[in-house]
Amino acid sequence: MNIELLQSICKTLPAVTEDIKWNDHLCFLIGDKMFCVGSLSENFSCSIKVSDEDFVLLTERNDIIPAPYMARYKWVLISNPNALTLQEWELYIHKSYQLIKSKLPKKVLKELGI
């Protein structure tokens, strides 16, 4: 995984926008809510929102930890791009998108055309 591949996966999802935050993090959003954050620095890392069950499963793996400042909201930090297979990356990015999308008000979803 790298930032370009992460970007190509996230941009396939409906109504996704991008924003750079904290000087070196590319954030992917739906309805102004982040669902994925990738590091633009030389050492690629990525944070995503996960379900309670996936939080437990993923944090048992090497190179995946509870995300600093966001763990209580069930975000994980993946510090090694090879910690997940490409299929797993796609799966968890899509799940993260769905988790955030499901919390958006109906009005916002309608404005986004979803």
N, C-alpha and C. Protein backbone atom coordinates (compact mmCIF):
# COMPACT_ATOMS: atom_id res chain seq x y z
N MET A 1 0.85 -1.18 0.00
CA MET A 1 0.00 0.00 0.00
C MET A 1 0.89 1.23 0.00
N ASN A 2 0.43 2.23 -0.71
CA ASN A 2 1.06 3.55 -0.70
C ASN A 2 -0.03 4.60 -0.85
N ILE A 3 0.33 5.85 -0.76
CA ILE A 3 -0.67 6.91 -0.75
C ILE A 3 -1.44 6.97 -2.07
N GLU A 4 -0.79 6.68 -3.18
CA GLU A 4 -1.47 6.72 -4.47
C GLU A 4 -2.52 5.61 -4.59
N LEU A 5 -2.17 4.42 -4.13
CA LEU A 5 -3.12 3.31 -4.16
C LEU A 5 -4.27 3.57 -3.18
N LEU A 6 -3.96 4.09 -2.01
CA LEU A 6 -4.99 4.44 -1.04
C LEU A 6 -5.95 5.45 -1.65
N GLN A 7 -5.40 6.44 -2.31
CA GLN A 7 -6.22 7.47 -2.95
C GLN A 7 -7.11 6.86 -4.03
N SER A 8 -6.58 5.96 -4.82
CA SER A 8 -7.39 5.36 -5.89
C SER A 8 -8.53 4.51 -5.32
N ILE A 9 -8.29 3.84 -4.20
CA ILE A 9 -9.36 3.04 -3.57
C ILE A 9 -10.43 3.96 -3.01
N CYS A 10 -10.02 4.97 -2.26
CA CYS A 10 -10.99 5.87 -1.61
C CYS A 10 -11.81 6.66 -2.62
N LYS A 11 -11.18 7.07 -3.71
CA LYS A 11 -11.89 7.91 -4.69
C LYS A 11 -12.92 7.13 -5.51
N THR A 12 -12.94 5.80 -5.40
CA THR A 12 -13.97 5.03 -6.10
C THR A 12 -15.30 5.08 -5.36
N LEU A 13 -15.27 5.51 -4.11
CA LEU A 13 -16.49 5.55 -3.29
C LEU A 13 -17.27 6.84 -3.56
N PRO A 14 -18.60 6.76 -3.52
CA PRO A 14 -19.43 7.93 -3.84
C PRO A 14 -19.24 9.09 -2.87
N ALA A 15 -19.20 10.29 -3.42
CA ALA A 15 -19.19 11.56 -2.68
C ALA A 15 -17.98 11.75 -1.76
N VAL A 16 -16.86 11.12 -2.09
CA VAL A 16 -15.66 11.26 -1.28
C VAL A 16 -14.91 12.53 -1.67
N THR A 17 -14.47 13.26 -0.66
CA THR A 17 -13.63 14.43 -0.88
C THR A 17 -12.31 14.22 -0.16
N GLU A 18 -11.33 15.04 -0.50
CA GLU A 18 -10.01 14.96 0.11
C GLU A 18 -9.68 16.29 0.77
N ASP A 19 -8.85 16.20 1.79
CA ASP A 19 -8.37 17.40 2.47
C ASP A 19 -7.02 17.06 3.09
N ILE A 20 -6.13 18.02 3.12
CA ILE A 20 -4.85 17.81 3.80
C ILE A 20 -4.95 18.48 5.17
N LYS A 21 -4.66 17.70 6.21
CA LYS A 21 -4.70 18.19 7.58
C LYS A 21 -3.36 17.90 8.25
N TRP A 22 -3.07 18.64 9.26
CA TRP A 22 -1.86 18.46 10.05
C TRP A 22 -0.60 18.47 9.19
N ASN A 23 -0.62 19.23 8.12
CA ASN A 23 0.51 19.44 7.19
C ASN A 23 0.88 18.24 6.33
N ASP A 24 0.73 17.04 6.80
CA ASP A 24 1.21 15.89 6.02
C ASP A 24 0.31 14.67 6.07
N HIS A 25 -0.99 14.90 6.19
CA HIS A 25 -1.95 13.79 6.20
C HIS A 25 -3.05 14.06 5.18
N LEU A 26 -3.23 13.11 4.29
CA LEU A 26 -4.30 13.21 3.31
C LEU A 26 -5.53 12.52 3.88
N CYS A 27 -6.56 13.30 4.09
CA CYS A 27 -7.79 12.80 4.72
C CYS A 27 -8.86 12.59 3.65
N PHE A 28 -9.55 11.48 3.78
CA PHE A 28 -10.66 11.17 2.88
C PHE A 28 -11.94 11.29 3.70
N LEU A 29 -12.89 12.03 3.13
CA LEU A 29 -14.09 12.38 3.88
C LEU A 29 -15.35 12.07 3.09
N ILE A 30 -16.41 11.85 3.84
CA ILE A 30 -17.75 11.82 3.28
C ILE A 30 -18.59 12.74 4.14
N GLY A 31 -19.24 13.71 3.52
CA GLY A 31 -20.03 14.67 4.27
C GLY A 31 -19.21 15.40 5.31
N ASP A 32 -17.98 15.74 4.99
CA ASP A 32 -17.04 16.44 5.88
C ASP A 32 -16.63 15.63 7.10
N LYS A 33 -16.87 14.32 7.09
CA LYS A 33 -16.46 13.43 8.18
C LYS A 33 -15.38 12.49 7.66
N MET A 34 -14.27 12.41 8.37
CA MET A 34 -13.16 11.56 7.96
C MET A 34 -13.52 10.08 8.11
N PHE A 35 -13.08 9.29 7.13
CA PHE A 35 -13.19 7.84 7.26
C PHE A 35 -11.84 7.16 7.03
N CYS A 36 -10.87 7.90 6.51
CA CYS A 36 -9.54 7.34 6.26
C CYS A 36 -8.53 8.48 6.22
N VAL A 37 -7.38 8.24 6.86
CA VAL A 37 -6.32 9.25 6.90
C VAL A 37 -5.00 8.57 6.55
N GLY A 38 -4.37 9.04 5.48
CA GLY A 38 -3.09 8.48 5.07
C GLY A 38 -1.97 9.49 5.23
N SER A 39 -0.84 9.02 5.67
CA SER A 39 0.31 9.88 5.87
C SER A 39 0.99 10.18 4.53
N LEU A 40 1.36 11.43 4.32
CA LEU A 40 2.08 11.82 3.12
C LEU A 40 3.59 11.78 3.34
N SER A 41 4.01 11.45 4.53
CA SER A 41 5.43 11.40 4.83
C SER A 41 6.07 10.16 4.21
N GLU A 42 7.38 10.10 4.28
CA GLU A 42 8.13 8.99 3.70
C GLU A 42 7.71 7.64 4.29
N ASN A 43 7.45 7.61 5.57
CA ASN A 43 7.00 6.38 6.24
C ASN A 43 5.48 6.33 6.22
N PHE A 44 4.93 5.63 5.23
CA PHE A 44 3.49 5.56 5.05
C PHE A 44 2.81 4.89 6.25
N SER A 45 1.72 5.48 6.67
CA SER A 45 0.83 4.87 7.66
C SER A 45 -0.58 5.32 7.32
N CYS A 46 -1.54 4.65 7.91
CA CYS A 46 -2.93 4.95 7.60
C CYS A 46 -3.80 4.66 8.81
N SER A 47 -4.79 5.51 9.04
CA SER A 47 -5.76 5.29 10.11
C SER A 47 -7.14 5.17 9.49
N ILE A 48 -7.91 4.22 10.03
CA ILE A 48 -9.28 4.01 9.56
C ILE A 48 -10.19 3.71 10.74
N LYS A 49 -11.46 4.00 10.54
CA LYS A 49 -12.49 3.66 11.52
C LYS A 49 -12.88 2.21 11.30
N VAL A 50 -13.06 1.46 12.39
CA VAL A 50 -13.44 0.05 12.30
C VAL A 50 -14.57 -0.26 13.28
N SER A 51 -15.19 -1.39 13.08
CA SER A 51 -16.24 -1.84 14.00
C SER A 51 -15.59 -2.31 15.30
N ASP A 52 -16.39 -2.50 16.32
CA ASP A 52 -15.87 -2.98 17.60
C ASP A 52 -15.17 -4.33 17.44
N GLU A 53 -15.78 -5.21 16.68
CA GLU A 53 -15.21 -6.55 16.47
C GLU A 53 -13.89 -6.47 15.69
N ASP A 54 -13.87 -5.67 14.62
CA ASP A 54 -12.65 -5.53 13.83
C ASP A 54 -11.55 -4.84 14.62
N PHE A 55 -11.93 -3.94 15.52
CA PHE A 55 -10.93 -3.26 16.36
C PHE A 55 -10.13 -4.29 17.17
N VAL A 56 -10.84 -5.24 17.76
CA VAL A 56 -10.18 -6.28 18.56
C VAL A 56 -9.31 -7.16 17.66
N LEU A 57 -9.86 -7.59 16.54
CA LEU A 57 -9.13 -8.48 15.63
C LEU A 57 -7.88 -7.81 15.05
N LEU A 58 -8.03 -6.58 14.60
CA LEU A 58 -6.91 -5.91 13.95
C LEU A 58 -5.80 -5.52 14.92
N THR A 59 -6.16 -5.09 16.11
CA THR A 59 -5.13 -4.66 17.05
C THR A 59 -4.35 -5.83 17.65
N GLU A 60 -4.78 -7.04 17.35
CA GLU A 60 -4.00 -8.22 17.75
C GLU A 60 -2.88 -8.50 16.75
N ARG A 61 -2.92 -7.86 15.60
CA ARG A 61 -1.92 -8.07 14.55
C ARG A 61 -0.70 -7.17 14.78
N ASN A 62 0.41 -7.61 14.21
CA ASN A 62 1.61 -6.77 14.24
C ASN A 62 1.39 -5.53 13.37
N ASP A 63 1.95 -4.42 13.80
CA ASP A 63 1.95 -3.16 13.05
C ASP A 63 0.57 -2.50 12.95
N ILE A 64 -0.39 -2.94 13.75
CA ILE A 64 -1.69 -2.28 13.81
C ILE A 64 -2.00 -2.02 15.28
N ILE A 65 -2.19 -0.74 15.61
CA ILE A 65 -2.43 -0.36 17.00
C ILE A 65 -3.66 0.54 17.09
N PRO A 66 -4.22 0.69 18.29
CA PRO A 66 -5.27 1.69 18.46
C PRO A 66 -4.71 3.07 18.06
N ALA A 67 -5.44 3.80 17.26
CA ALA A 67 -4.95 5.09 16.77
C ALA A 67 -4.85 6.10 17.91
N PRO A 68 -3.70 6.76 18.04
CA PRO A 68 -3.56 7.79 19.07
C PRO A 68 -4.66 8.85 18.93
N TYR A 69 -5.22 9.23 20.03
CA TYR A 69 -6.29 10.25 20.13
C TYR A 69 -7.64 9.80 19.58
N MET A 70 -7.68 8.69 18.84
CA MET A 70 -8.93 8.27 18.21
C MET A 70 -9.35 6.86 18.58
N ALA A 71 -8.57 6.20 19.41
CA ALA A 71 -8.86 4.80 19.75
C ALA A 71 -10.22 4.64 20.42
N ARG A 72 -10.59 5.59 21.23
CA ARG A 72 -11.89 5.45 21.92
C ARG A 72 -13.06 5.49 20.94
N TYR A 73 -12.80 5.98 19.73
CA TYR A 73 -13.82 6.00 18.69
C TYR A 73 -13.65 4.82 17.72
N LYS A 74 -12.79 3.86 18.11
CA LYS A 74 -12.53 2.64 17.34
C LYS A 74 -11.85 2.94 16.00
N TRP A 75 -10.78 3.71 16.07
CA TRP A 75 -9.91 3.93 14.92
C TRP A 75 -8.62 3.16 15.17
N VAL A 76 -8.06 2.60 14.11
CA VAL A 76 -6.77 1.90 14.21
C VAL A 76 -5.74 2.61 13.33
N LEU A 77 -4.48 2.50 13.74
CA LEU A 77 -3.37 3.03 12.97
C LEU A 77 -2.58 1.85 12.41
N ILE A 78 -2.46 1.80 11.11
CA ILE A 78 -1.71 0.75 10.43
C ILE A 78 -0.37 1.35 10.04
N SER A 79 0.68 0.93 10.74
CA SER A 79 1.99 1.56 10.54
C SER A 79 2.85 0.87 9.48
N ASN A 80 2.45 -0.32 9.06
CA ASN A 80 3.19 -1.03 8.03
C ASN A 80 2.25 -1.27 6.85
N PRO A 81 2.58 -0.78 5.67
CA PRO A 81 1.69 -0.97 4.51
C PRO A 81 1.42 -2.43 4.17
N ASN A 82 2.29 -3.31 4.62
CA ASN A 82 2.11 -4.73 4.34
C ASN A 82 1.38 -5.49 5.45
N ALA A 83 0.87 -4.77 6.43
CA ALA A 83 0.15 -5.41 7.53
C ALA A 83 -1.17 -6.02 7.05
N LEU A 84 -1.68 -5.50 5.94
CA LEU A 84 -2.92 -6.02 5.34
C LEU A 84 -2.65 -6.37 3.88
N THR A 85 -3.37 -7.35 3.38
CA THR A 85 -3.31 -7.64 1.95
C THR A 85 -4.10 -6.56 1.21
N LEU A 86 -3.94 -6.49 -0.09
CA LEU A 86 -4.70 -5.51 -0.87
C LEU A 86 -6.20 -5.72 -0.70
N GLN A 87 -6.64 -6.96 -0.68
CA GLN A 87 -8.07 -7.25 -0.48
C GLN A 87 -8.54 -6.77 0.88
N GLU A 88 -7.71 -6.95 1.91
CA GLU A 88 -8.07 -6.48 3.25
C GLU A 88 -8.10 -4.96 3.29
N TRP A 89 -7.13 -4.32 2.65
CA TRP A 89 -7.15 -2.85 2.59
C TRP A 89 -8.48 -2.37 2.00
N GLU A 90 -8.84 -2.93 0.87
CA GLU A 90 -10.09 -2.53 0.21
C GLU A 90 -11.29 -2.79 1.11
N LEU A 91 -11.33 -3.96 1.74
CA LEU A 91 -12.44 -4.32 2.62
C LEU A 91 -12.56 -3.32 3.78
N TYR A 92 -11.48 -3.07 4.48
CA TYR A 92 -11.55 -2.21 5.66
C TYR A 92 -11.77 -0.74 5.31
N ILE A 93 -11.28 -0.30 4.17
CA ILE A 93 -11.57 1.07 3.73
C ILE A 93 -13.05 1.21 3.42
N HIS A 94 -13.61 0.22 2.72
CA HIS A 94 -15.04 0.26 2.42
C HIS A 94 -15.88 0.19 3.69
N LYS A 95 -15.47 -0.63 4.64
CA LYS A 95 -16.20 -0.71 5.90
C LYS A 95 -16.13 0.61 6.65
N SER A 96 -14.97 1.23 6.66
CA SER A 96 -14.81 2.51 7.34
C SER A 96 -15.74 3.56 6.72
N TYR A 97 -15.76 3.60 5.41
CA TYR A 97 -16.64 4.51 4.68
C TYR A 97 -18.10 4.28 5.09
N GLN A 98 -18.52 3.02 5.12
CA GLN A 98 -19.91 2.70 5.47
C GLN A 98 -20.23 3.07 6.91
N LEU A 99 -19.28 2.85 7.83
CA LEU A 99 -19.50 3.21 9.23
C LEU A 99 -19.74 4.72 9.38
N ILE A 100 -18.93 5.51 8.71
CA ILE A 100 -19.09 6.97 8.80
C ILE A 100 -20.35 7.41 8.07
N LYS A 101 -20.58 6.88 6.90
CA LYS A 101 -21.77 7.22 6.12
C LYS A 101 -23.05 6.92 6.90
N SER A 102 -23.06 5.82 7.62
CA SER A 102 -24.27 5.41 8.34
C SER A 102 -24.62 6.38 9.47
N LYS A 103 -23.68 7.18 9.91
CA LYS A 103 -23.92 8.14 10.99
C LYS A 103 -24.32 9.52 10.48
N LEU A 104 -24.25 9.72 9.17
CA LEU A 104 -24.60 11.03 8.61
C LEU A 104 -26.11 11.23 8.61
N PRO A 105 -26.53 12.47 8.86
CA PRO A 105 -27.97 12.76 8.81
C PRO A 105 -28.53 12.55 7.40
N LYS A 106 -29.79 12.20 7.32
CA LYS A 106 -30.43 11.97 6.02
C LYS A 106 -30.34 13.20 5.12
N LYS A 107 -30.43 14.37 5.71
CA LYS A 107 -30.33 15.61 4.95
C LYS A 107 -28.98 15.72 4.24
N VAL A 108 -27.92 15.38 4.94
CA VAL A 108 -26.57 15.42 4.36
C VAL A 108 -26.45 14.39 3.24
N LEU A 109 -26.95 13.18 3.47
CA LEU A 109 -26.91 12.14 2.44
C LEU A 109 -27.66 12.60 1.18
N LYS A 110 -28.77 13.25 1.37
CA LYS A 110 -29.55 13.73 0.25
C LYS A 110 -28.76 14.81 -0.51
N GLU A 111 -28.10 15.71 0.23
CA GLU A 111 -27.29 16.77 -0.39
C GLU A 111 -26.13 16.16 -1.18
N LEU A 112 -25.62 15.04 -0.70
CA LEU A 112 -24.51 14.37 -1.37
C LEU A 112 -24.99 13.51 -2.56
N GLY A 113 -26.30 13.36 -2.68
CA GLY A 113 -26.86 12.56 -3.76
C GLY A 113 -26.73 11.06 -3.53
N ILE A 114 -26.71 10.67 -2.26
CA ILE A 114 -26.57 9.25 -1.91
C ILE A 114 -27.89 8.72 -1.38
